[in-house]
Amino acid sequence: MGERTLERTERAYLKMELVAKALELASPNGAKYRVEDVYLDYGQDWMWTTIVRHGYKECQVLNPREWEDIVFYADDAHALATVVDNIRADKFFGDN
C-alpha cells in the first residue's frame, strides 16, 4: 500500500498519536511531537501522515520503515512501545 495520508478516524492515525505522545513524554528536551500531513516527496506531490517534532531540532521523525511498523504491524501496547524504543535508538533521532 505504501506511505499515504491517514484519515483521523483510522486506527492507524490513533496509533500515530499514541507514539507521538510517548515520544513527547520521554523527551529530555521538552520537544513536542504532533501527527501531521507533510510532504514525503515534494517533487512528486506525495504527502503522508507522520510525526513531526517541534520546539527542539524540528523535523519529521519517522522513516518509511517506522511508519509501516506503526500503521501495519504494531497492534498492541507492547508493539507500540517497541516502535517508540526503536525510534529513540535511531542514530538520527536527536532527542535523547
N, C-alpha and C. Protein backbone atom coordinates (compact mmCIF):
# COMPACT_ATOMS: atom_id res chain seq x y z
N MET A 1 0.82 -1.18 0.00
CA MET A 1 0.00 0.00 0.00
C MET A 1 0.86 1.24 0.00
N GLY A 2 1.87 1.34 0.81
CA GLY A 2 2.78 2.47 0.78
C GLY A 2 2.34 3.64 1.65
N GLU A 3 3.26 4.55 1.83
CA GLU A 3 3.02 5.71 2.67
C GLU A 3 1.97 6.60 2.05
N ARG A 4 1.09 7.13 2.90
CA ARG A 4 -0.02 7.95 2.42
C ARG A 4 -0.53 8.81 3.58
N THR A 5 -1.46 9.66 3.29
CA THR A 5 -2.11 10.39 4.37
C THR A 5 -3.15 9.48 5.00
N LEU A 6 -3.33 9.66 6.29
CA LEU A 6 -4.29 8.86 7.06
C LEU A 6 -5.46 9.74 7.45
N GLU A 7 -6.63 9.14 7.49
CA GLU A 7 -7.81 9.84 8.00
C GLU A 7 -7.78 9.81 9.52
N ARG A 8 -8.25 10.88 10.14
CA ARG A 8 -8.25 10.96 11.61
C ARG A 8 -9.08 9.85 12.24
N THR A 9 -9.99 9.26 11.51
CA THR A 9 -10.84 8.20 12.04
C THR A 9 -10.21 6.81 11.94
N GLU A 10 -9.08 6.71 11.26
CA GLU A 10 -8.42 5.40 11.10
C GLU A 10 -7.69 5.00 12.38
N ARG A 11 -7.69 3.71 12.62
CA ARG A 11 -6.95 3.17 13.77
C ARG A 11 -5.45 3.53 13.67
N ALA A 12 -4.91 3.52 12.46
CA ALA A 12 -3.50 3.85 12.26
C ALA A 12 -3.20 5.27 12.73
N TYR A 13 -4.13 6.19 12.54
CA TYR A 13 -3.93 7.57 12.99
C TYR A 13 -3.84 7.61 14.51
N LEU A 14 -4.73 6.88 15.17
CA LEU A 14 -4.70 6.81 16.63
C LEU A 14 -3.37 6.24 17.12
N LYS A 15 -2.86 5.22 16.43
CA LYS A 15 -1.57 4.65 16.82
C LYS A 15 -0.46 5.68 16.66
N MET A 16 -0.51 6.48 15.59
CA MET A 16 0.47 7.56 15.40
C MET A 16 0.41 8.53 16.58
N GLU A 17 -0.81 8.90 16.98
CA GLU A 17 -0.96 9.82 18.11
C GLU A 17 -0.38 9.23 19.39
N LEU A 18 -0.58 7.95 19.63
CA LEU A 18 -0.03 7.30 20.83
C LEU A 18 1.50 7.32 20.81
N VAL A 19 2.08 7.03 19.66
CA VAL A 19 3.55 7.07 19.54
C VAL A 19 4.05 8.49 19.75
N ALA A 20 3.38 9.47 19.17
CA ALA A 20 3.79 10.87 19.34
C ALA A 20 3.74 11.27 20.81
N LYS A 21 2.70 10.88 21.51
CA LYS A 21 2.58 11.22 22.93
C LYS A 21 3.69 10.55 23.74
N ALA A 22 4.00 9.30 23.42
CA ALA A 22 5.07 8.59 24.14
C ALA A 22 6.42 9.27 23.90
N LEU A 23 6.68 9.69 22.67
CA LEU A 23 7.92 10.40 22.37
C LEU A 23 8.00 11.72 23.12
N GLU A 24 6.89 12.42 23.19
CA GLU A 24 6.84 13.69 23.90
C GLU A 24 7.09 13.50 25.40
N LEU A 25 6.48 12.49 25.98
CA LEU A 25 6.68 12.23 27.41
C LEU A 25 8.12 11.83 27.73
N ALA A 26 8.78 11.19 26.79
CA ALA A 26 10.16 10.74 27.00
C ALA A 26 11.20 11.79 26.63
N SER A 27 10.79 12.90 26.06
CA SER A 27 11.75 13.90 25.58
C SER A 27 12.47 14.60 26.73
N PRO A 28 13.79 14.50 26.77
CA PRO A 28 14.53 15.22 27.80
C PRO A 28 14.69 16.70 27.48
N ASN A 29 14.30 17.09 26.28
CA ASN A 29 14.49 18.47 25.81
C ASN A 29 13.19 19.25 25.70
N GLY A 30 12.10 18.67 26.16
CA GLY A 30 10.81 19.35 26.10
C GLY A 30 10.24 19.48 24.70
N ALA A 31 10.65 18.62 23.80
CA ALA A 31 10.14 18.66 22.43
C ALA A 31 8.67 18.27 22.42
N LYS A 32 7.96 18.83 21.46
CA LYS A 32 6.56 18.49 21.24
C LYS A 32 6.48 17.66 19.97
N TYR A 33 5.67 16.62 19.99
CA TYR A 33 5.50 15.73 18.85
C TYR A 33 4.05 15.77 18.41
N ARG A 34 3.83 15.98 17.11
CA ARG A 34 2.48 16.10 16.57
C ARG A 34 2.34 15.24 15.33
N VAL A 35 1.15 14.70 15.13
CA VAL A 35 0.83 13.96 13.92
C VAL A 35 0.35 14.98 12.89
N GLU A 36 1.01 14.99 11.72
CA GLU A 36 0.70 15.98 10.70
C GLU A 36 0.82 15.37 9.31
N ASP A 37 0.13 15.99 8.36
CA ASP A 37 0.30 15.64 6.96
C ASP A 37 1.36 16.57 6.37
N VAL A 38 2.43 15.98 5.87
CA VAL A 38 3.54 16.75 5.29
C VAL A 38 4.01 16.04 4.03
N TYR A 39 4.90 16.69 3.30
CA TYR A 39 5.44 16.08 2.09
C TYR A 39 6.43 14.98 2.43
N LEU A 40 6.24 13.84 1.79
CA LEU A 40 7.25 12.79 1.79
C LEU A 40 8.19 13.06 0.62
N ASP A 41 7.63 13.50 -0.50
CA ASP A 41 8.40 13.86 -1.68
C ASP A 41 7.71 15.02 -2.37
N TYR A 42 8.27 16.21 -2.20
CA TYR A 42 7.66 17.42 -2.74
C TYR A 42 7.57 17.38 -4.26
N GLY A 43 8.61 16.90 -4.91
CA GLY A 43 8.65 16.85 -6.37
C GLY A 43 7.54 15.99 -6.97
N GLN A 44 7.16 14.95 -6.25
CA GLN A 44 6.08 14.07 -6.72
C GLN A 44 4.73 14.47 -6.14
N ASP A 45 4.71 15.53 -5.33
CA ASP A 45 3.48 15.97 -4.65
C ASP A 45 2.89 14.82 -3.83
N TRP A 46 3.78 14.10 -3.11
CA TRP A 46 3.42 12.91 -2.34
C TRP A 46 3.38 13.29 -0.87
N MET A 47 2.19 13.28 -0.31
CA MET A 47 2.00 13.61 1.11
C MET A 47 1.87 12.33 1.93
N TRP A 48 2.21 12.44 3.21
CA TRP A 48 1.97 11.34 4.14
C TRP A 48 1.68 11.90 5.51
N THR A 49 1.03 11.10 6.30
CA THR A 49 0.78 11.44 7.70
C THR A 49 1.93 10.85 8.49
N THR A 50 2.62 11.71 9.24
CA THR A 50 3.78 11.26 10.00
C THR A 50 3.85 12.04 11.31
N ILE A 51 4.89 11.81 12.06
CA ILE A 51 5.11 12.51 13.33
C ILE A 51 6.18 13.57 13.10
N VAL A 52 5.87 14.78 13.55
CA VAL A 52 6.79 15.91 13.38
C VAL A 52 7.16 16.43 14.77
N ARG A 53 8.47 16.67 14.96
CA ARG A 53 8.97 17.23 16.23
C ARG A 53 9.00 18.74 16.11
N HIS A 54 8.52 19.42 17.17
CA HIS A 54 8.52 20.88 17.24
C HIS A 54 9.25 21.34 18.51
N GLY A 55 9.86 22.49 18.42
CA GLY A 55 10.45 23.10 19.61
C GLY A 55 11.88 22.69 19.91
N TYR A 56 12.36 21.64 19.32
CA TYR A 56 13.74 21.19 19.53
C TYR A 56 14.14 20.39 18.29
N LYS A 57 15.10 20.91 17.54
CA LYS A 57 15.56 20.23 16.32
C LYS A 57 14.37 19.75 15.50
N GLU A 58 13.59 20.70 15.02
CA GLU A 58 12.35 20.38 14.32
C GLU A 58 12.60 19.56 13.07
N CYS A 59 11.81 18.50 12.92
CA CYS A 59 11.97 17.61 11.78
C CYS A 59 10.84 16.60 11.73
N GLN A 60 10.76 15.90 10.60
CA GLN A 60 9.92 14.72 10.52
C GLN A 60 10.66 13.61 11.26
N VAL A 61 9.96 12.85 12.05
CA VAL A 61 10.61 11.88 12.93
C VAL A 61 10.72 10.49 12.30
N LEU A 62 9.72 10.07 11.58
CA LEU A 62 9.67 8.68 11.11
C LEU A 62 10.35 8.49 9.77
N ASN A 63 10.96 7.32 9.62
CA ASN A 63 11.38 6.88 8.30
C ASN A 63 10.28 5.95 7.78
N PRO A 64 10.30 5.61 6.49
CA PRO A 64 9.23 4.76 5.96
C PRO A 64 9.07 3.42 6.68
N ARG A 65 10.14 2.83 7.12
CA ARG A 65 10.03 1.55 7.84
C ARG A 65 9.30 1.72 9.17
N GLU A 66 9.63 2.77 9.91
CA GLU A 66 8.95 3.02 11.18
C GLU A 66 7.47 3.32 10.95
N TRP A 67 7.18 4.05 9.86
CA TRP A 67 5.79 4.34 9.51
C TRP A 67 5.03 3.04 9.29
N GLU A 68 5.61 2.13 8.52
CA GLU A 68 4.97 0.83 8.26
C GLU A 68 4.80 0.03 9.55
N ASP A 69 5.80 0.07 10.42
CA ASP A 69 5.69 -0.66 11.69
C ASP A 69 4.48 -0.17 12.49
N ILE A 70 4.27 1.14 12.53
CA ILE A 70 3.14 1.69 13.27
C ILE A 70 1.83 1.35 12.57
N VAL A 71 1.75 1.63 11.30
CA VAL A 71 0.49 1.51 10.56
C VAL A 71 0.05 0.05 10.38
N PHE A 72 0.98 -0.84 10.04
CA PHE A 72 0.61 -2.20 9.66
C PHE A 72 0.87 -3.26 10.72
N TYR A 73 1.88 -3.09 11.56
CA TYR A 73 2.32 -4.21 12.40
C TYR A 73 2.12 -4.04 13.90
N ALA A 74 2.14 -2.83 14.40
CA ALA A 74 2.02 -2.61 15.85
C ALA A 74 0.55 -2.65 16.25
N ASP A 75 0.10 -3.80 16.77
CA ASP A 75 -1.31 -3.96 17.08
C ASP A 75 -1.62 -4.04 18.57
N ASP A 76 -0.63 -3.81 19.41
CA ASP A 76 -0.90 -3.78 20.86
C ASP A 76 0.09 -2.83 21.52
N ALA A 77 -0.10 -2.60 22.81
CA ALA A 77 0.73 -1.63 23.54
C ALA A 77 2.20 -2.02 23.53
N HIS A 78 2.48 -3.30 23.67
CA HIS A 78 3.87 -3.75 23.68
C HIS A 78 4.55 -3.46 22.33
N ALA A 79 3.86 -3.74 21.24
CA ALA A 79 4.42 -3.49 19.91
C ALA A 79 4.64 -2.00 19.69
N LEU A 80 3.71 -1.16 20.15
CA LEU A 80 3.89 0.29 20.00
C LEU A 80 5.07 0.78 20.84
N ALA A 81 5.23 0.22 22.04
CA ALA A 81 6.36 0.59 22.88
C ALA A 81 7.68 0.20 22.22
N THR A 82 7.71 -0.94 21.55
CA THR A 82 8.90 -1.37 20.83
C THR A 82 9.22 -0.40 19.70
N VAL A 83 8.20 0.06 18.99
CA VAL A 83 8.40 1.04 17.92
C VAL A 83 9.00 2.33 18.50
N VAL A 84 8.46 2.79 19.63
CA VAL A 84 8.98 4.00 20.27
C VAL A 84 10.45 3.80 20.64
N ASP A 85 10.78 2.67 21.22
CA ASP A 85 12.17 2.38 21.59
C ASP A 85 13.08 2.38 20.36
N ASN A 86 12.60 1.79 19.27
CA ASN A 86 13.40 1.75 18.04
C ASN A 86 13.60 3.15 17.45
N ILE A 87 12.58 3.98 17.49
CA ILE A 87 12.70 5.35 17.01
C ILE A 87 13.74 6.10 17.83
N ARG A 88 13.65 5.99 19.15
CA ARG A 88 14.56 6.71 20.03
C ARG A 88 15.99 6.19 19.92
N ALA A 89 16.16 4.93 19.53
CA ALA A 89 17.51 4.34 19.41
C ALA A 89 18.18 4.68 18.08
N ASP A 90 17.41 5.18 17.12
CA ASP A 90 17.98 5.51 15.81
C ASP A 90 19.04 6.59 15.96
N LYS A 91 20.16 6.43 15.29
CA LYS A 91 21.26 7.39 15.43
C LYS A 91 20.91 8.77 14.92
N PHE A 92 19.89 8.90 14.11
CA PHE A 92 19.50 10.20 13.57
C PHE A 92 18.34 10.86 14.35
N PHE A 93 17.85 10.19 15.39
CA PHE A 93 16.69 10.70 16.13
C PHE A 93 16.96 12.07 16.74
N GLY A 94 18.00 12.20 17.53
CA GLY A 94 18.45 13.50 18.01
C GLY A 94 17.74 14.13 19.18
N ASP A 95 16.86 13.41 19.88
CA ASP A 95 16.20 13.96 21.08
C ASP A 95 16.40 13.00 22.24
N ASN A 96 17.64 12.71 22.51
CA ASN A 96 17.98 11.80 23.61
C ASN A 96 18.78 12.51 24.67
